[in-house]
């Protein structure tokens, strides 16, 4: 089946990352894929080699007049352009069946996900009037679309050499290694100071972009407020370049503790089986608070790790709990096992598409 995936880039790591990973896995399973994206520039570093079977289509004001495939995915509620939807309606009229049309939604552990997954959304007006799209929700229960995990992931992870990767990156595998991929958490200065005062040398690997900028600002603040705060040199910062998706997996697999943000990196952190904390995208109306609570209810982390999540996301006030990867590693392995038992998202989409949109 030919798949058309539509993506509007809001957060170039998350939206583009999820859609590219989905496109690649579909192509790996033999499906030709067109990824329509309004800003393809993130793919230059996220997937510099491209992928066989995936065609990137610039989604501009005047989209190219391509005939719709058998399956259409609009990611995160972005509407395909009207001319394309009109072509979908025309194809449906000519064939007698419409393309399988899915709205791939955001990931959440909240109860509404299971209730809403698979529901139809009839189109009542516009060029697609009479067509039906269906909601497809990733999630953390058997009644959802589950999570995306590539067929080859387990093999790649089993063959990975952590010590060699750290050595090639100029890092010491004998020291604690922490990765930082975040927005601008208010608790970031606390974390830096905590790691510096822990009595154990820590290599903090800071990802490029917002995490790097936030860390530099936190360092400047600490230098002003607490001169000599890292005098012992226990905290050793390493500034990372932009990483491809595969290299980001390698980073997660190599660390003792991962600080991640957004949807795609949350799933990759769970699959890594390494202790982690997740920062949700902060919203002015605090809508991310119940989303975090729902995820923590599913994750059921040790109490201090739960407290870390809450403080890191600004949900709870007070001191940031101490990072304790050794105490949290067994739980991370258990969480990974639970993820591997969930439905696999691409397989679910394939099955739904073969049913002409019926889930």
Protein backbone atom coordinates (compact mmCIF):
# COMPACT_ATOMS: atom_id res chain seq x y z
CA UNK A 1 0.00 0.00 0.00
CA UNK A 2 1.15 3.56 -0.68
CA UNK A 3 1.08 5.75 2.41
CA UNK A 4 0.86 9.54 2.54
CA UNK A 5 1.92 11.04 5.89
CA UNK A 6 1.28 14.74 6.54
CA UNK A 7 3.37 16.58 9.12
CA UNK A 8 3.42 20.21 10.23
CA UNK A 9 6.53 21.04 12.21
CA UNK A 10 5.82 22.80 15.50
CA UNK A 11 8.61 21.31 17.59
CA UNK A 12 11.12 20.13 15.02
CA UNK A 13 12.45 17.33 17.22
CA UNK A 14 9.06 15.84 18.08
CA UNK A 15 6.68 16.22 15.16
CA UNK A 16 9.28 15.55 12.48
CA UNK A 17 10.87 12.83 14.60
CA UNK A 18 7.70 10.80 15.09
CA UNK A 19 6.67 11.13 11.45
CA UNK A 20 10.09 10.22 10.09
CA UNK A 21 10.36 7.19 12.36
CA UNK A 22 6.90 6.06 11.25
CA UNK A 23 7.74 6.57 7.56
CA UNK A 24 10.99 4.61 7.84
CA UNK A 25 9.37 1.66 9.60
CA UNK A 26 6.58 1.50 7.04
CA UNK A 27 9.14 1.55 4.21
CA UNK A 28 11.18 -1.14 5.96
CA UNK A 29 8.06 -3.31 5.91
CA UNK A 30 7.72 -2.85 2.14
CA UNK A 31 5.33 0.09 1.82
CA UNK A 32 6.18 3.08 -0.40
CA UNK A 33 5.78 6.24 1.70
CA UNK A 34 5.46 9.93 0.91
CA UNK A 35 6.18 12.21 3.85
CA UNK A 36 4.58 15.62 3.28
CA UNK A 37 6.29 18.09 5.60
CA UNK A 38 6.14 21.87 5.74
CA UNK A 39 9.71 22.18 7.05
CA UNK A 40 12.01 19.34 5.93
CA UNK A 41 15.16 21.00 7.32
CA UNK A 42 15.23 18.93 10.56
CA UNK A 43 15.61 15.78 8.46
CA UNK A 44 19.01 17.02 7.28
CA UNK A 45 20.49 16.12 10.67
CA UNK A 46 17.86 13.72 11.97
CA UNK A 47 18.14 11.41 8.96
CA UNK A 48 20.98 12.73 6.78
CA UNK A 49 21.08 9.63 4.57
CA UNK A 50 17.34 9.51 3.94
CA UNK A 51 15.75 6.08 3.62
CA UNK A 52 14.91 3.82 0.65
CA UNK A 53 11.20 3.89 -0.07
CA UNK A 54 10.56 7.22 1.70
CA UNK A 55 9.95 10.25 -0.52
CA UNK A 56 9.99 13.63 1.21
CA UNK A 57 7.44 16.00 -0.34
CA UNK A 58 7.76 19.70 0.57
CA UNK A 59 4.33 20.80 1.84
CA UNK A 60 4.15 24.34 0.52
CA UNK A 61 1.30 26.70 -0.23
CA UNK A 62 0.80 24.97 -3.58
CA UNK A 63 1.32 21.24 -3.02
CA UNK A 64 2.32 19.06 -5.97
CA UNK A 65 -0.66 17.35 -7.67
CA UNK A 66 0.07 13.80 -6.54
CA UNK A 67 -2.63 11.12 -6.50
CA UNK A 68 -3.47 9.92 -2.98
CA UNK A 69 -2.25 6.52 -1.89
CA UNK A 70 -4.31 3.82 -0.24
CA UNK A 71 -3.56 5.18 3.25
CA UNK A 72 -3.46 8.79 4.45
CA UNK A 73 -2.18 9.83 7.87
CA UNK A 74 -2.52 13.32 9.22
CA UNK A 75 -0.18 13.58 12.18
CA UNK A 76 -1.37 15.38 15.29
CA UNK A 77 -4.50 16.83 13.71
CA UNK A 78 -2.88 18.69 10.82
CA UNK A 79 -5.33 18.85 7.90
CA UNK A 80 -4.04 17.74 4.49
CA UNK A 81 -4.29 20.49 1.84
CA UNK A 82 -7.71 20.92 0.24
CA UNK A 83 -6.59 19.86 -3.28
CA UNK A 84 -5.27 16.59 -1.87
CA UNK A 85 -8.48 15.95 0.08
CA UNK A 86 -10.49 16.69 -3.06
CA UNK A 87 -8.37 14.12 -4.90
CA UNK A 88 -9.11 11.64 -2.08
CA UNK A 89 -12.83 12.21 -2.55
CA UNK A 90 -12.54 11.81 -6.32
CA UNK A 91 -10.55 8.58 -5.91
CA UNK A 92 -13.13 7.28 -3.47
CA UNK A 93 -15.91 8.00 -5.94
CA UNK A 94 -14.05 6.29 -8.77
CA UNK A 95 -13.03 3.20 -6.77
CA UNK A 96 -16.10 2.87 -4.61
CA UNK A 97 -13.92 2.81 -1.48
CA UNK A 98 -12.14 5.69 0.19
CA UNK A 99 -8.49 5.67 1.26
CA UNK A 100 -7.92 4.60 4.85
CA UNK A 101 -7.62 7.99 6.55
CA UNK A 102 -6.21 8.27 10.09
CA UNK A 103 -5.63 11.13 12.46
CA UNK A 104 -2.53 9.97 14.36
CA UNK A 105 -2.91 11.65 17.73
CA UNK A 106 -0.55 12.64 20.53
CA UNK A 107 0.66 10.08 23.05
CA UNK A 108 -0.96 10.08 26.48
CA UNK A 109 -1.75 7.67 29.31
CA UNK A 110 -4.97 9.51 30.16
CA UNK A 111 -8.21 7.43 30.19
CA UNK A 112 -9.79 9.21 27.23
CA UNK A 113 -7.20 7.65 24.90
CA UNK A 114 -8.63 4.15 25.16
CA UNK A 115 -12.19 5.47 24.86
CA UNK A 116 -11.39 7.49 21.74
CA UNK A 117 -8.99 5.21 19.89
CA UNK A 118 -10.53 4.00 16.65
CA UNK A 119 -13.59 6.24 16.69
CA UNK A 120 -14.78 7.57 13.31
CA UNK A 121 -14.82 11.28 12.50
CA UNK A 122 -17.10 11.85 9.49
CA UNK A 123 -16.17 14.85 7.36
CA UNK A 124 -19.29 16.98 6.99
CA UNK A 125 -18.12 19.84 4.81
CA UNK A 126 -15.39 21.01 2.48
CA UNK A 127 -13.72 19.02 -0.31
CA UNK A 128 -13.71 15.84 1.80
CA UNK A 129 -17.42 15.89 2.67
CA UNK A 130 -18.68 12.34 2.92
CA UNK A 131 -15.29 10.83 3.73
CA UNK A 132 -14.49 9.37 7.15
CA UNK A 133 -11.24 9.63 9.08
CA UNK A 134 -10.50 7.66 12.24
CA UNK A 135 -8.62 8.53 15.37
CA UNK A 136 -5.52 6.43 16.01
CA UNK A 137 -4.06 6.95 19.46
CA UNK A 138 -0.69 5.71 20.68
CA UNK A 139 -1.00 4.61 24.27
CA UNK A 140 -0.02 2.44 27.18
CA UNK A 141 -2.82 -0.15 27.25
CA UNK A 142 -3.93 -3.04 25.06
CA UNK A 143 -6.96 -1.02 23.95
CA UNK A 144 -4.86 1.67 22.26
CA UNK A 145 -2.53 1.82 19.28
CA UNK A 146 0.45 1.07 21.51
CA UNK A 147 3.95 2.37 20.77
CA UNK A 148 6.23 2.34 17.75
CA UNK A 149 9.17 -0.05 18.00
CA UNK A 150 11.03 -1.18 14.93
CA UNK A 151 11.36 -4.86 14.07
CA UNK A 152 15.14 -4.52 14.12
CA UNK A 153 15.37 -2.60 17.40
CA UNK A 154 16.06 -5.55 19.70
CA UNK A 155 18.83 -6.81 17.41
CA UNK A 156 20.46 -3.39 17.22
CA UNK A 157 20.28 -2.89 20.95
CA UNK A 158 21.72 -6.33 21.74
CA UNK A 159 24.68 -5.72 19.41
CA UNK A 160 25.44 -2.25 20.80
CA UNK A 161 28.82 -1.74 22.52
CA UNK A 162 28.34 0.92 25.20
CA UNK A 163 32.00 1.16 26.20
CA UNK A 164 33.13 1.57 22.60
CA UNK A 165 30.56 4.29 21.94
CA UNK A 166 31.61 6.24 25.04
CA UNK A 167 35.28 5.80 24.19
CA UNK A 168 34.77 7.06 20.65
CA UNK A 169 32.93 10.07 22.08
CA UNK A 170 35.88 10.86 24.35
CA UNK A 171 34.03 9.83 27.51
CA UNK A 172 35.01 7.67 30.48
CA UNK A 173 32.73 4.65 30.88
CA UNK A 174 33.82 4.31 34.53
CA UNK A 175 32.18 7.63 35.44
CA UNK A 176 28.48 8.39 35.78
CA UNK A 177 26.97 9.51 32.47
CA UNK A 178 23.78 11.59 32.26
CA UNK A 179 22.11 12.91 29.10
CA UNK A 180 20.12 16.15 29.07
CA UNK A 181 17.40 16.83 26.49
CA UNK A 182 14.98 19.39 27.92
CA UNK A 183 13.09 22.65 27.46
CA UNK A 184 13.81 25.22 30.20
CA UNK A 185 13.05 23.43 33.49
CA UNK A 186 13.20 25.82 36.48
CA UNK A 187 14.95 23.07 38.44
CA UNK A 188 17.90 22.89 36.02
CA UNK A 189 20.26 24.97 38.23
CA UNK A 190 19.38 22.65 41.13
CA UNK A 191 20.29 19.63 39.04
CA UNK A 192 23.66 21.07 37.99
CA UNK A 193 24.54 22.00 41.57
CA UNK A 194 23.35 18.64 42.88
CA UNK A 195 25.56 16.73 40.43
CA UNK A 196 28.52 18.97 41.29
CA UNK A 197 28.07 18.35 45.02
CA UNK A 198 27.32 14.62 44.82
CA UNK A 199 30.91 13.57 45.50
CA UNK A 200 30.90 11.48 42.32
CA UNK A 201 32.21 12.63 38.95
CA UNK A 202 29.40 12.97 36.43
CA UNK A 203 29.65 13.55 32.70
CA UNK A 204 26.61 15.57 31.63
CA UNK A 205 25.94 15.23 27.90
CA UNK A 206 23.92 18.26 26.81
CA UNK A 207 22.00 18.03 23.55
CA UNK A 208 22.05 20.86 21.04
CA UNK A 209 19.29 23.44 20.88
CA UNK A 210 17.07 24.51 23.75
CA UNK A 211 18.78 22.22 26.27
CA UNK A 212 22.16 23.76 25.48
CA UNK A 213 20.85 27.31 25.74
CA UNK A 214 19.04 26.59 29.01
CA UNK A 215 22.16 24.98 30.47
CA UNK A 216 24.37 27.92 29.54
CA UNK A 217 21.89 30.29 31.20
CA UNK A 218 21.80 28.12 34.33
CA UNK A 219 25.59 28.03 34.47
CA UNK A 220 25.74 31.82 34.25
CA UNK A 221 23.22 32.14 37.06
CA UNK A 222 25.11 29.71 39.29
CA UNK A 223 28.41 31.48 38.64
CA UNK A 224 26.85 34.74 39.80
CA UNK A 225 24.95 33.43 42.80
CA UNK A 226 27.34 30.72 44.06
CA UNK A 227 30.96 31.38 43.01
CA UNK A 228 33.00 28.18 43.08
CA UNK A 229 29.93 25.94 43.06
CA UNK A 230 31.76 23.34 40.90
CA UNK A 231 35.24 23.94 42.30
CA UNK A 232 35.87 20.23 42.76
CA UNK A 233 35.17 19.62 39.08
CA UNK A 234 32.74 16.76 39.75
CA UNK A 235 30.39 18.00 37.05
CA UNK A 236 31.93 17.69 33.59
CA UNK A 237 29.87 19.12 30.77
CA UNK A 238 29.98 17.85 27.20
CA UNK A 239 28.16 19.76 24.47
CA UNK A 240 26.71 17.44 21.85
CA UNK A 241 26.07 18.23 18.18
CA UNK A 242 22.69 17.56 16.62
CA UNK A 243 22.26 13.79 16.57
CA UNK A 244 20.60 11.52 14.06
CA UNK A 245 17.81 9.33 15.38
CA UNK A 246 20.11 6.31 15.52
CA UNK A 247 22.82 8.23 17.35
CA UNK A 248 20.26 9.50 19.84
CA UNK A 249 19.32 5.87 20.58
CA UNK A 250 23.02 5.15 21.15
CA UNK A 251 23.21 8.10 23.53
CA UNK A 252 20.26 6.81 25.56
CA UNK A 253 21.68 3.29 25.67
CA UNK A 254 25.05 4.58 26.90
CA UNK A 255 23.91 6.70 29.84
CA UNK A 256 23.17 5.87 33.45
CA UNK A 257 20.30 8.37 33.56
CA UNK A 258 18.46 10.13 30.74
CA UNK A 259 16.56 13.39 30.94
CA UNK A 260 14.21 13.47 27.96
CA UNK A 261 11.48 15.69 26.61
CA UNK A 262 8.52 15.33 24.26
CA UNK A 263 6.88 12.26 22.79
CA UNK A 264 9.45 10.53 20.60
CA UNK A 265 12.27 10.67 23.15
CA UNK A 266 9.94 9.39 25.91
CA UNK A 267 9.25 6.22 23.91
CA UNK A 268 12.94 5.80 23.08
CA UNK A 269 13.87 6.26 26.75
CA UNK A 270 11.39 3.57 27.80
CA UNK A 271 12.75 1.20 25.14
CA UNK A 272 16.32 1.89 26.27
CA UNK A 273 15.61 0.28 29.64
CA UNK A 274 17.70 2.96 31.40
CA UNK A 275 16.43 5.14 34.30
CA UNK A 276 15.02 8.41 33.00
CA UNK A 277 12.89 11.45 33.77
CA UNK A 278 10.56 13.06 31.26
CA UNK A 279 9.80 16.74 30.83
CA UNK A 280 6.49 17.44 29.17
CA UNK A 281 5.95 20.50 27.02
CA UNK A 282 4.89 23.15 29.57
CA UNK A 283 1.48 24.69 28.86
CA UNK A 284 0.14 27.94 30.29
CA UNK A 285 -3.11 26.33 31.46
CA UNK A 286 -1.15 23.51 33.18
CA UNK A 287 -2.82 20.92 30.95
CA UNK A 288 0.42 18.96 31.09
CA UNK A 289 -0.03 18.30 34.82
CA UNK A 290 -2.82 15.68 34.55
CA UNK A 291 -1.01 14.18 31.56
CA UNK A 292 2.09 13.73 33.71
CA UNK A 293 0.09 12.30 36.61
CA UNK A 294 -1.58 9.78 34.30
CA UNK A 295 1.77 8.67 32.92
CA UNK A 296 3.24 8.32 36.41
CA UNK A 297 0.25 6.22 37.45
CA UNK A 298 1.07 3.88 34.56
CA UNK A 299 4.84 3.94 35.15
CA UNK A 300 4.50 3.46 38.94
CA UNK A 301 8.08 4.58 39.63
CA UNK A 302 9.87 4.39 42.99
CA UNK A 303 8.75 7.26 45.27
CA UNK A 304 11.90 9.37 44.91
CA UNK A 305 11.86 9.03 41.13
CA UNK A 306 8.21 10.05 41.07
CA UNK A 307 9.10 13.08 43.17
CA UNK A 308 11.90 13.88 40.70
CA UNK A 309 9.43 13.81 37.79
CA UNK A 310 7.07 16.18 39.61
CA UNK A 311 9.80 18.64 40.62
CA UNK A 312 11.47 18.53 37.19
CA UNK A 313 8.15 19.47 35.58
CA UNK A 314 7.40 22.21 38.07
CA UNK A 315 4.34 20.37 39.40
CA UNK A 316 5.80 20.11 42.89
CA UNK A 317 7.78 22.75 44.72
CA UNK A 318 10.78 22.17 46.91
CA UNK A 319 14.18 20.60 46.40
CA UNK A 320 14.88 18.35 43.45
CA UNK A 321 15.42 14.78 44.71
CA UNK A 322 18.89 13.29 44.26
CA UNK A 323 19.54 11.38 41.06
CA UNK A 324 19.92 7.70 42.02
CA UNK A 325 20.28 5.64 38.81
CA UNK A 326 21.56 2.51 40.54
CA UNK A 327 18.44 2.35 42.70
CA UNK A 328 16.15 2.91 39.69
CA UNK A 329 17.72 0.55 37.14
CA UNK A 330 15.62 -2.50 38.01
CA UNK A 331 12.43 -0.47 37.62
CA UNK A 332 13.59 0.81 34.21
CA UNK A 333 14.04 -2.78 33.04
CA UNK A 334 10.55 -3.66 34.25
CA UNK A 335 9.07 -0.66 32.44
CA UNK A 336 10.80 -1.70 29.22
CA UNK A 337 9.33 -5.20 29.51
CA UNK A 338 5.85 -3.70 29.91
CA UNK A 339 6.37 -1.54 26.81
CA UNK A 340 7.46 -4.56 24.77
CA UNK A 341 4.18 -6.26 25.70
CA UNK A 342 2.08 -3.37 24.34
CA UNK A 343 0.63 -3.34 20.81
CA UNK A 344 3.13 -2.21 18.17
CA UNK A 345 1.89 0.97 16.50
CA UNK A 346 2.93 0.33 12.90
CA UNK A 347 1.52 -3.20 12.92
CA UNK A 348 -1.74 -1.76 14.25
CA UNK A 349 -1.87 0.85 11.51
CA UNK A 350 -1.20 -1.81 8.88
CA UNK A 351 -4.03 -3.96 10.22
CA UNK A 352 -6.41 -1.01 10.38
CA UNK A 353 -5.50 0.07 6.85
CA UNK A 354 -6.15 -3.40 5.48
CA UNK A 355 -9.60 -3.13 7.04
CA UNK A 356 -10.20 0.04 4.98
CA UNK A 357 -10.06 2.26 8.02
CA UNK A 358 -11.93 -0.04 10.41
CA UNK A 359 -10.10 -0.60 13.71
